[in-house]
Protein backbone atom coordinates (compact mmCIF):
# COMPACT_ATOMS: atom_id res chain seq x y z
CA MET A 1 30.40 -25.30 -2.78
CA LYS A 2 27.95 -25.16 0.21
CA TRP A 3 25.23 -23.45 -1.82
CA LEU A 4 25.60 -26.19 -4.62
CA VAL A 5 24.83 -28.73 -1.67
CA LEU A 6 21.73 -26.72 -0.53
CA ALA A 7 20.48 -26.35 -4.12
CA GLY A 8 20.87 -30.14 -4.50
CA VAL A 9 19.04 -30.90 -1.35
CA SER A 10 16.42 -28.46 -2.15
CA ALA A 11 15.96 -30.02 -5.71
CA ALA A 12 15.66 -33.39 -4.26
CA LEU A 13 13.02 -32.35 -1.76
CA ALA A 14 10.98 -30.60 -4.51
CA LEU A 15 11.28 -33.55 -6.67
CA ALA A 16 10.18 -36.01 -3.71
CA ALA A 17 7.22 -33.68 -2.98
CA ALA A 18 6.06 -33.64 -6.50
CA CYS A 19 6.36 -37.51 -7.04
CA ASP A 20 3.72 -38.68 -4.71
CA GLY A 21 3.72 -42.39 -6.13
CA GLY A 22 0.85 -41.62 -8.36
CA ASP A 23 -1.91 -41.81 -5.66
CA GLU A 24 -4.86 -39.92 -7.09
CA THR A 25 -6.23 -39.04 -3.75
CA PRO A 26 -5.96 -35.23 -2.91
CA ALA A 27 -3.16 -34.37 -0.38
CA ALA A 28 -4.12 -33.20 3.02
CA ASP A 29 -3.94 -29.35 3.52
CA THR A 30 -0.71 -28.64 5.04
CA GLY A 31 -0.88 -24.96 5.26
CA GLY A 32 1.14 -24.49 2.11
CA ALA A 33 -1.89 -23.78 -0.34
CA LEU A 34 -2.52 -20.25 -1.70
CA THR A 35 -3.12 -17.83 1.19
CA PRO A 36 -4.23 -14.21 1.24
CA VAL A 37 -0.40 -13.33 1.86
CA GLY A 38 1.64 -15.76 0.07
CA THR A 39 1.75 -19.06 -1.89
CA LYS A 40 3.87 -21.19 0.43
CA ASP A 41 5.06 -21.58 3.91
CA ALA A 42 8.31 -19.63 4.67
CA THR A 43 11.29 -22.01 4.46
CA PRO A 44 14.26 -21.14 6.64
CA THR A 45 17.68 -21.96 5.00
CA PRO A 46 20.19 -23.90 7.11
CA LEU A 47 23.31 -22.20 8.10
CA ALA A 48 26.55 -23.06 6.43
CA THR A 49 29.17 -24.65 8.48
CA VAL A 50 31.98 -23.71 6.37
CA THR A 51 33.75 -20.20 6.48
CA GLY A 52 31.96 -17.56 4.55
CA ALA A 53 28.34 -16.72 4.35
CA PRO A 54 26.15 -18.82 1.98
CA THR A 55 24.25 -17.30 -0.85
CA PRO A 56 20.58 -17.22 -1.03
CA ILE A 57 18.98 -20.27 -2.72
CA ASP A 58 17.70 -19.91 -6.14
CA PRO A 59 13.80 -19.15 -5.98
CA THR A 60 11.63 -21.01 -8.37
CA LEU A 61 8.23 -20.15 -9.75
CA ASP A 62 5.29 -22.46 -10.14
CA GLU A 63 5.36 -24.11 -13.61
CA GLU A 64 2.21 -22.39 -14.72
CA LEU A 65 3.82 -18.80 -14.35
CA THR A 66 5.98 -17.09 -17.21
CA GLU A 67 9.00 -15.39 -15.66
CA ILE A 68 8.57 -11.70 -16.26
CA ALA A 69 11.42 -10.24 -14.01
CA SER A 70 14.44 -11.61 -11.81
CA GLY A 71 17.39 -10.07 -10.18
CA GLY A 72 19.31 -9.64 -6.96
CA ILE A 73 19.29 -6.94 -4.42
CA GLU A 74 22.00 -6.26 -1.79
CA ALA A 75 21.05 -4.14 1.40
CA ILE A 76 22.91 -2.89 4.47
CA LEU A 77 20.40 -2.49 7.31
CA ALA A 78 21.42 -0.76 10.58
CA ALA A 79 19.39 -1.76 13.75
CA GLY A 80 15.86 -0.66 13.21
CA ASP A 81 16.28 -0.05 9.46
CA SER A 82 14.33 -1.83 6.65
CA LYS A 83 14.43 -2.31 2.92
CA SER A 84 11.17 -2.03 0.91
CA ILE A 85 10.45 -3.83 -2.56
CA ASP A 86 7.28 -2.72 -4.39
CA THR A 87 6.36 -5.91 -5.93
CA ALA A 88 3.37 -4.31 -7.75
CA ALA A 89 5.81 -2.08 -9.65
CA ILE A 90 7.62 -5.14 -10.74
CA ALA A 91 4.38 -6.68 -11.85
CA GLY A 92 4.11 -4.01 -14.32
CA ASP A 93 1.21 -4.67 -16.77
CA ALA A 94 0.51 -8.05 -15.28
CA SER A 95 -2.64 -8.77 -13.40
CA CYS A 96 -2.08 -8.89 -9.62
CA MET A 97 -4.46 -11.71 -9.69
CA ASN A 98 -2.04 -13.82 -11.62
CA PHE A 99 1.20 -12.64 -10.15
CA ALA A 100 3.82 -14.15 -7.92
CA PHE A 101 7.15 -12.71 -6.49
CA ASP A 102 9.28 -15.54 -5.19
CA PHE A 103 12.27 -14.33 -3.33
CA ALA A 104 15.12 -15.88 -1.27
CA TRP A 105 17.36 -14.08 1.21
CA GLN A 106 20.43 -14.83 3.24
CA VAL A 107 22.16 -12.50 5.86
CA GLN A 108 25.78 -12.16 4.69
CA ASP A 109 27.27 -10.20 7.52
CA PRO A 110 27.62 -11.01 10.38
CA HIS A 111 28.37 -14.60 9.61
CA PRO A 112 27.42 -16.72 11.43
CA PRO A 113 24.38 -14.62 12.03
CA ASP A 114 24.21 -14.75 15.85
CA GLY A 115 21.70 -12.35 17.28
CA VAL A 116 20.26 -11.43 13.96
CA ASP A 117 16.46 -10.64 14.11
CA LEU A 118 15.34 -10.17 10.54
CA VAL A 119 11.50 -10.00 9.76
CA TRP A 120 9.83 -9.90 6.42
CA GLN A 121 6.45 -7.96 6.36
CA PHE A 122 4.02 -7.73 3.43
CA THR A 123 1.64 -4.81 3.05
CA ARG A 124 -1.37 -4.52 0.71
CA GLU A 125 -4.83 -2.94 0.99
CA ALA A 126 -5.93 -5.41 3.83
CA GLY A 127 -2.96 -4.36 6.02
CA THR A 128 0.42 -5.57 7.03
CA VAL A 129 1.29 -9.19 8.04
CA GLU A 130 4.55 -10.88 8.93
CA VAL A 131 5.29 -13.38 6.13
CA ALA A 132 8.72 -14.78 7.13
CA ASN A 133 11.61 -14.33 9.54
CA GLY A 134 15.15 -15.51 10.08
CA PRO A 135 18.65 -15.03 8.83
CA GLY A 136 17.91 -17.04 5.51
CA GLY A 137 15.11 -18.55 3.66
CA ASP A 138 12.56 -18.18 0.84
CA GLN A 139 9.04 -17.12 0.33
CA SER A 140 6.38 -15.96 -2.14
CA VAL A 141 4.01 -13.16 -2.12
CA GLY A 142 1.79 -11.29 -4.55
CA CYS A 143 1.42 -7.66 -5.31
CA GLY A 144 2.10 -5.12 -2.51
CA VAL A 145 5.03 -3.84 -0.63
CA LEU A 146 7.55 -6.34 0.83
CA GLU A 147 9.68 -5.04 3.60
CA ALA A 148 12.76 -6.52 5.30
CA LEU A 149 13.18 -5.16 8.82
CA ASN A 150 16.15 -5.44 11.03
CA ARG A 151 14.92 -5.75 14.58
CA GLY A 152 18.33 -6.89 15.80
CA ALA A 153 20.80 -4.61 17.76
CA GLY A 154 23.46 -4.70 14.92
CA THR A 155 23.93 -3.79 11.29
CA ILE A 156 23.42 -6.61 8.73
CA ALA A 157 24.37 -7.03 5.14
CA LEU A 158 21.59 -8.83 3.31
CA ALA A 159 21.50 -10.75 -0.17
CA ILE A 160 18.18 -11.08 -1.89
CA ILE A 161 17.53 -12.98 -5.05
CA TYR A 162 14.00 -12.91 -6.70
CA ARG A 163 11.98 -14.12 -9.74
CA ALA A 164 8.66 -12.73 -10.63
CA GLY A 165 6.06 -14.41 -12.67
CA ALA A 166 2.71 -14.26 -14.12
CA ILE A 167 -0.02 -16.14 -15.99
CA GLU A 168 0.06 -14.88 -19.52
């Protein structure tokens, strides 16, 4: 039930952002523009107040992209462990210049995620940068290696949902 509320709120916010009242003046740069490491600011997901861990939000691709892959990943990460995702392999034959890997994550255990220190790093030829952090949220990156790193003191269970798209 809680994830439906979160999805509804997310959809309403996205619609409000898309409907700018018809003003033809370009919007000011808010830092969400295409960057060398991602296509949007990392968005933390609010924690559920009901019993049970929330599921990750459903990631969305920009409308000019055609979905080429989607799925879910579950990982158990002990303190100091990481989970890597090779987004370039998921891109397959798609050009990395026209590719996006949108993903959402949520720590499932412990819940609530007190003391969780989860960081997302993205590596490509230019090096490694932190693209997001926190027990839940969403982000978008291109071709490279995405890594979830558990910097906390305890083991966590992590749920990840992704959609990959390309301009065809």
